[in-house]
C-alpha atoms as a PDB file:
ATOM      1  CA  MET A   1      36.383 -25.010  30.317  1.00  0.00           C
ATOM      2  CA  ARG A   2      37.559 -21.339  29.374  1.00  0.00           C
ATOM      3  CA  ARG A   3      38.706 -22.935  26.365  1.00  0.00           C
ATOM      4  CA  ARG A   4      35.734 -24.545  25.715  1.00  0.00           C
ATOM      5  CA  ILE A   5      33.266 -21.207  25.970  1.00  0.00           C
ATOM      6  CA  THR A   6      35.869 -19.455  24.004  1.00  0.00           C
ATOM      7  CA  THR A   7      35.702 -21.440  21.473  1.00  0.00           C
ATOM      8  CA  LEU A   8      31.953 -22.096  21.104  1.00  0.00           C
ATOM      9  CA  LEU A   9      31.024 -18.626  21.955  1.00  0.00           C
ATOM     10  CA  PRO A  10      31.267 -17.387  18.256  1.00  0.00           C
ATOM     11  CA  LEU A  11      29.560 -20.298  16.742  1.00  0.00           C
ATOM     12  CA  LEU A  12      26.512 -19.407  19.069  1.00  0.00           C
ATOM     13  CA  LEU A  13      26.849 -15.476  18.419  1.00  0.00           C
ATOM     14  CA  ALA A  14      27.084 -16.746  14.692  1.00  0.00           C
ATOM     15  CA  GLY A  15      24.250 -19.230  15.082  1.00  0.00           C
ATOM     16  CA  ALA A  16      21.799 -16.846  16.892  1.00  0.00           C
ATOM     17  CA  THR A  17      22.246 -13.923  13.866  1.00  0.00           C
ATOM     18  CA  GLY A  18      21.732 -15.914  11.184  1.00  0.00           C
ATOM     19  CA  CYS A  19      18.407 -17.608  12.187  1.00  0.00           C
ATOM     20  CA  GLY A  20      15.424 -17.172   9.130  1.00  0.00           C
ATOM     21  CA  ALA A  21      15.890 -18.349   5.873  1.00  0.00           C
ATOM     22  CA  VAL A  22      19.242 -19.749   4.301  1.00  0.00           C
ATOM     23  CA  GLY A  23      20.518 -16.976   2.542  1.00  0.00           C
ATOM     24  CA  ALA A  24      18.033 -14.297   3.428  1.00  0.00           C
ATOM     25  CA  ALA A  25      19.066 -10.665   4.178  1.00  0.00           C
ATOM     26  CA  GLN A  26      17.650  -8.173   6.545  1.00  0.00           C
ATOM     27  CA  GLU A  27      16.660  -5.622   4.064  1.00  0.00           C
ATOM     28  CA  ALA A  28      17.502  -1.942   5.493  1.00  0.00           C
ATOM     29  CA  VAL A  29      14.529   0.108   6.065  1.00  0.00           C
ATOM     30  CA  ASP A  30      14.673   4.297   6.474  1.00  0.00           C
ATOM     31  CA  PRO A  31      12.224   6.034   8.652  1.00  0.00           C
ATOM     32  CA  MET A  32      10.138   8.685   6.561  1.00  0.00           C
ATOM     33  CA  THR A  33       7.262  10.759   6.781  1.00  0.00           C
ATOM     34  CA  VAL A  34       4.155  10.299   4.679  1.00  0.00           C
ATOM     35  CA  ARG A  35       2.100  13.614   4.033  1.00  0.00           C
ATOM     36  CA  VAL A  36      -1.262  13.656   2.319  1.00  0.00           C
ATOM     37  CA  LEU A  37      -2.671  16.995   1.537  1.00  0.00           C
ATOM     38  CA  VAL A  38      -6.290  16.754   0.590  1.00  0.00           C
ATOM     39  CA  ARG A  39      -7.361  19.652  -1.132  1.00  0.00           C
ATOM     40  CA  ASP A  40     -10.906  19.913  -0.294  1.00  0.00           C
ATOM     41  CA  ILE A  41     -11.534  23.238   0.268  1.00  0.00           C
ATOM     42  CA  ASN A  42     -13.546  23.227   3.334  1.00  0.00           C
ATOM     43  CA  ILE A  43     -14.315  25.700   6.106  1.00  0.00           C
ATOM     44  CA  ARG A  44     -13.004  25.485   9.402  1.00  0.00           C
ATOM     45  CA  ALA A  45     -10.415  27.239  11.784  1.00  0.00           C
ATOM     46  CA  ALA A  46      -6.313  26.399  11.060  1.00  0.00           C
ATOM     47  CA  GLY A  47      -4.685  24.003  13.220  1.00  0.00           C
ATOM     48  CA  VAL A  48      -7.483  22.010  14.703  1.00  0.00           C
ATOM     49  CA  ASP A  49      -8.410  18.475  13.705  1.00  0.00           C
ATOM     50  CA  CYS A  50     -10.125  17.182  10.543  1.00  0.00           C
ATOM     51  CA  ALA A  51     -10.938  14.795   7.799  1.00  0.00           C
ATOM     52  CA  GLY A  52     -11.684  14.804   4.240  1.00  0.00           C
ATOM     53  CA  THR A  53     -14.788  15.895   2.999  1.00  0.00           C
ATOM     54  CA  GLY A  54     -17.099  15.131  -0.079  1.00  0.00           C
ATOM     55  CA  PRO A  55     -15.343  12.684  -2.461  1.00  0.00           C
ATOM     56  CA  TYR A  56     -12.460  12.322   0.031  1.00  0.00           C
ATOM     57  CA  GLN A  57     -14.636  11.257   2.921  1.00  0.00           C
ATOM     58  CA  HIS A  58     -12.264   8.080   3.035  1.00  0.00           C
ATOM     59  CA  PHE A  59      -9.369  10.339   4.368  1.00  0.00           C
ATOM     60  CA  HIS A  60      -9.811   9.967   8.146  1.00  0.00           C
ATOM     61  CA  ASN A  61      -8.730   9.412  11.558  1.00  0.00           C
ATOM     62  CA  ARG A  62      -8.304   5.286  11.894  1.00  0.00           C
ATOM     63  CA  ALA A  63      -8.698   4.880   8.139  1.00  0.00           C
ATOM     64  CA  PRO A  64      -6.738   2.043   6.890  1.00  0.00           C
ATOM     65  CA  PHE A  65      -3.778   2.764   5.104  1.00  0.00           C
ATOM     66  CA  ARG A  66      -0.856   1.077   3.180  1.00  0.00           C
ATOM     67  CA  VAL A  67       2.390   2.027   1.768  1.00  0.00           C
ATOM     68  CA  LEU A  68       3.008  -0.268  -1.863  1.00  0.00           C
ATOM     69  CA  ASP A  69       6.361  -0.796  -3.847  1.00  0.00           C
ATOM     70  CA  PRO A  70       6.220  -0.608  -7.579  1.00  0.00           C
ATOM     71  CA  ASP A  71       5.144  -4.064  -7.603  1.00  0.00           C
ATOM     72  CA  GLY A  72       1.883  -3.731  -5.495  1.00  0.00           C
ATOM     73  CA  ARG A  73       3.731  -5.252  -2.587  1.00  0.00           C
ATOM     74  CA  ALA A  74       2.552  -3.856   1.152  1.00  0.00           C
ATOM     75  CA  LEU A  75       5.969  -2.195   2.834  1.00  0.00           C
ATOM     76  CA  ALA A  76       4.513  -0.603   5.684  1.00  0.00           C
ATOM     77  CA  SER A  77       0.630  -0.109   6.775  1.00  0.00           C
ATOM     78  CA  GLY A  78      -1.232   1.214   9.897  1.00  0.00           C
ATOM     79  CA  GLN A  79      -4.155   3.745  10.422  1.00  0.00           C
ATOM     80  CA  LEU A  80      -3.882   7.147   9.562  1.00  0.00           C
ATOM     81  CA  PRO A  81      -3.721   9.554  12.674  1.00  0.00           C
ATOM     82  CA  PRO A  82      -6.773  12.933  12.779  1.00  0.00           C
ATOM     83  CA  GLY A  83      -5.698  15.090   9.848  1.00  0.00           C
ATOM     84  CA  THR A  84      -4.538  18.622  10.812  1.00  0.00           C
ATOM     85  CA  ALA A  85      -6.098  21.893   8.624  1.00  0.00           C
ATOM     86  CA  VAL A  86      -3.955  23.838   7.106  1.00  0.00           C
ATOM     87  CA  ALA A  87      -4.685  27.184   5.305  1.00  0.00           C
ATOM     88  CA  ALA A  88      -5.664  27.063   1.543  1.00  0.00           C
ATOM     89  CA  PHE A  89      -3.953  30.701   1.255  1.00  0.00           C
ATOM     90  CA  ALA A  90      -1.034  32.102   2.469  1.00  0.00           C
ATOM     91  CA  GLU A  91      -2.529  35.538   2.959  1.00  0.00           C
ATOM     92  CA  ASP A  92      -4.691  36.771   5.975  1.00  0.00           C
ATOM     93  CA  LEU A  93      -7.808  36.825   5.429  1.00  0.00           C
ATOM     94  CA  GLY A  94      -8.598  38.113   9.106  1.00  0.00           C
ATOM     95  CA  VAL A  95     -11.525  35.582   9.967  1.00  0.00           C
ATOM     96  CA  GLU A  96     -10.827  33.037  12.361  1.00  0.00           C
ATOM     97  CA  ARG A  97     -12.237  30.586  10.102  1.00  0.00           C
ATOM     98  CA  LEU A  98     -11.048  30.119   6.618  1.00  0.00           C
ATOM     99  CA  PRO A  99     -10.952  27.758   3.521  1.00  0.00           C
ATOM    100  CA  THR A 100      -8.273  25.284   4.353  1.00  0.00           C
ATOM    101  CA  TYR A 101      -7.063  21.789   3.025  1.00  0.00           C
ATOM    102  CA  CYS A 102      -6.651  18.636   5.728  1.00  0.00           C
ATOM    103  CA  GLU A 103      -3.172  17.369   6.189  1.00  0.00           C
ATOM    104  CA  PHE A 104      -2.629  13.906   7.348  1.00  0.00           C
ATOM    105  CA  ALA A 105       0.812  12.509   8.399  1.00  0.00           C
ATOM    106  CA  VAL A 106       2.197   9.448   9.624  1.00  0.00           C
ATOM    107  CA  GLY A 107       5.670   8.297  10.300  1.00  0.00           C
ATOM    108  CA  VAL A 108       6.632   5.151   8.079  1.00  0.00           C
ATOM    109  CA  ARG A 109       9.544   3.004   8.123  1.00  0.00           C
ATOM    110  CA  VAL A 110      10.319   1.454   4.534  1.00  0.00           C
ATOM    111  CA  PRO A 111      12.741  -0.005   2.131  1.00  0.00           C
ATOM    112  CA  GLN A 112      14.433   1.979  -0.338  1.00  0.00           C
ATOM    113  CA  ARG A 113      12.534   1.864  -3.832  1.00  0.00           C
ATOM    114  CA  THR A 114      12.426   3.303  -7.341  1.00  0.00           C
ATOM    115  CA  SER A 115       8.599   4.725  -6.301  1.00  0.00           C
ATOM    116  CA  TYR A 116       5.861   4.376  -4.005  1.00  0.00           C
ATOM    117  CA  ARG A 117       2.234   4.196  -3.946  1.00  0.00           C
ATOM    118  CA  LEU A 118      -0.263   4.824  -0.826  1.00  0.00           C
ATOM    119  CA  GLU A 119      -3.663   3.327  -0.918  1.00  0.00           C
ATOM    120  CA  VAL A 120      -6.093   4.420   1.787  1.00  0.00           C
ATOM    121  CA  ASP A 121      -9.291   2.658   2.513  1.00  0.00           C
ATOM    122  CA  GLY A 122      -8.952  -0.214  -0.108  1.00  0.00           C
ATOM    123  CA  ARG A 123      -9.392   3.051  -3.002  1.00  0.00           C
ATOM    124  CA  PRO A 124      -7.111   3.326  -5.486  1.00  0.00           C
ATOM    125  CA  ALA A 125      -3.418   3.436  -4.966  1.00  0.00           C
ATOM    126  CA  LEU A 126      -1.561   6.816  -5.376  1.00  0.00           C
ATOM    127  CA  ASP A 127       1.511   8.259  -6.286  1.00  0.00           C
ATOM    128  CA  LEU A 128       4.139   9.328  -3.582  1.00  0.00           C
ATOM    129  CA  THR A 129       6.603  11.825  -4.632  1.00  0.00           C
ATOM    130  CA  PRO A 130       9.595  11.539  -2.476  1.00  0.00           C
ATOM    131  CA  ASP A 131      10.585  15.324  -0.684  1.00  0.00           C
ATOM    132  CA  THR A 132      12.895  16.409   1.989  1.00  0.00           C
ATOM    133  CA  SER A 133      12.065  19.856   2.518  1.00  0.00           C
ATOM    134  CA  GLU A 134      11.126  18.984   5.858  1.00  0.00           C
ATOM    135  CA  GLY A 135      12.860  15.316   6.373  1.00  0.00           C
ATOM    136  CA  PRO A 136      12.705  12.870   4.342  1.00  0.00           C
ATOM    137  CA  ALA A 137       8.942  12.416   3.044  1.00  0.00           C
ATOM    138  CA  LEU A 138       6.770  10.810   0.384  1.00  0.00           C
ATOM    139  CA  VAL A 139       3.488  13.417  -0.228  1.00  0.00           C
ATOM    140  CA  ALA A 140       0.480  12.832  -2.371  1.00  0.00           C
ATOM    141  CA  VAL A 141      -2.005  15.462  -2.996  1.00  0.00           C
ATOM    142  CA  VAL A 142      -5.629  14.500  -3.340  1.00  0.00           C
ATOM    143  CA  PRO A 143      -6.612  15.560  -5.805  1.00  0.00           C
ATOM    144  CA  SER A 144      -3.710  15.542  -7.797  1.00  0.00           C
END
């Protein structure tokens, strides 16, 4: 009996790992952060939750997004988290509320591609630029 189990075990394991389409290989995905900086220059306190204003109102908490490959196929999707207000200027203006941009950051897992685009709330897709200054990230600045 032990001999049959040791003979069948490799076959069972091979069958369990080979489920799915014949010849289909699991594509490796890499974790990274999609970061979007919405340059709306609104007056807020730095560090507070924010959303895009004016023509950028579609950038908000729970806005649907998709990361697309060069052919327009969706690689990742989800909802944006709340944005975080970041100072528009490096200098200290000495006031509590100051001109800010609204930054959104969301973790995704995507396969390696030559380029990526970001679609938010069904609007035209934005080019994403790779950036490793703060870990693996894909970055867009709106307006570019």
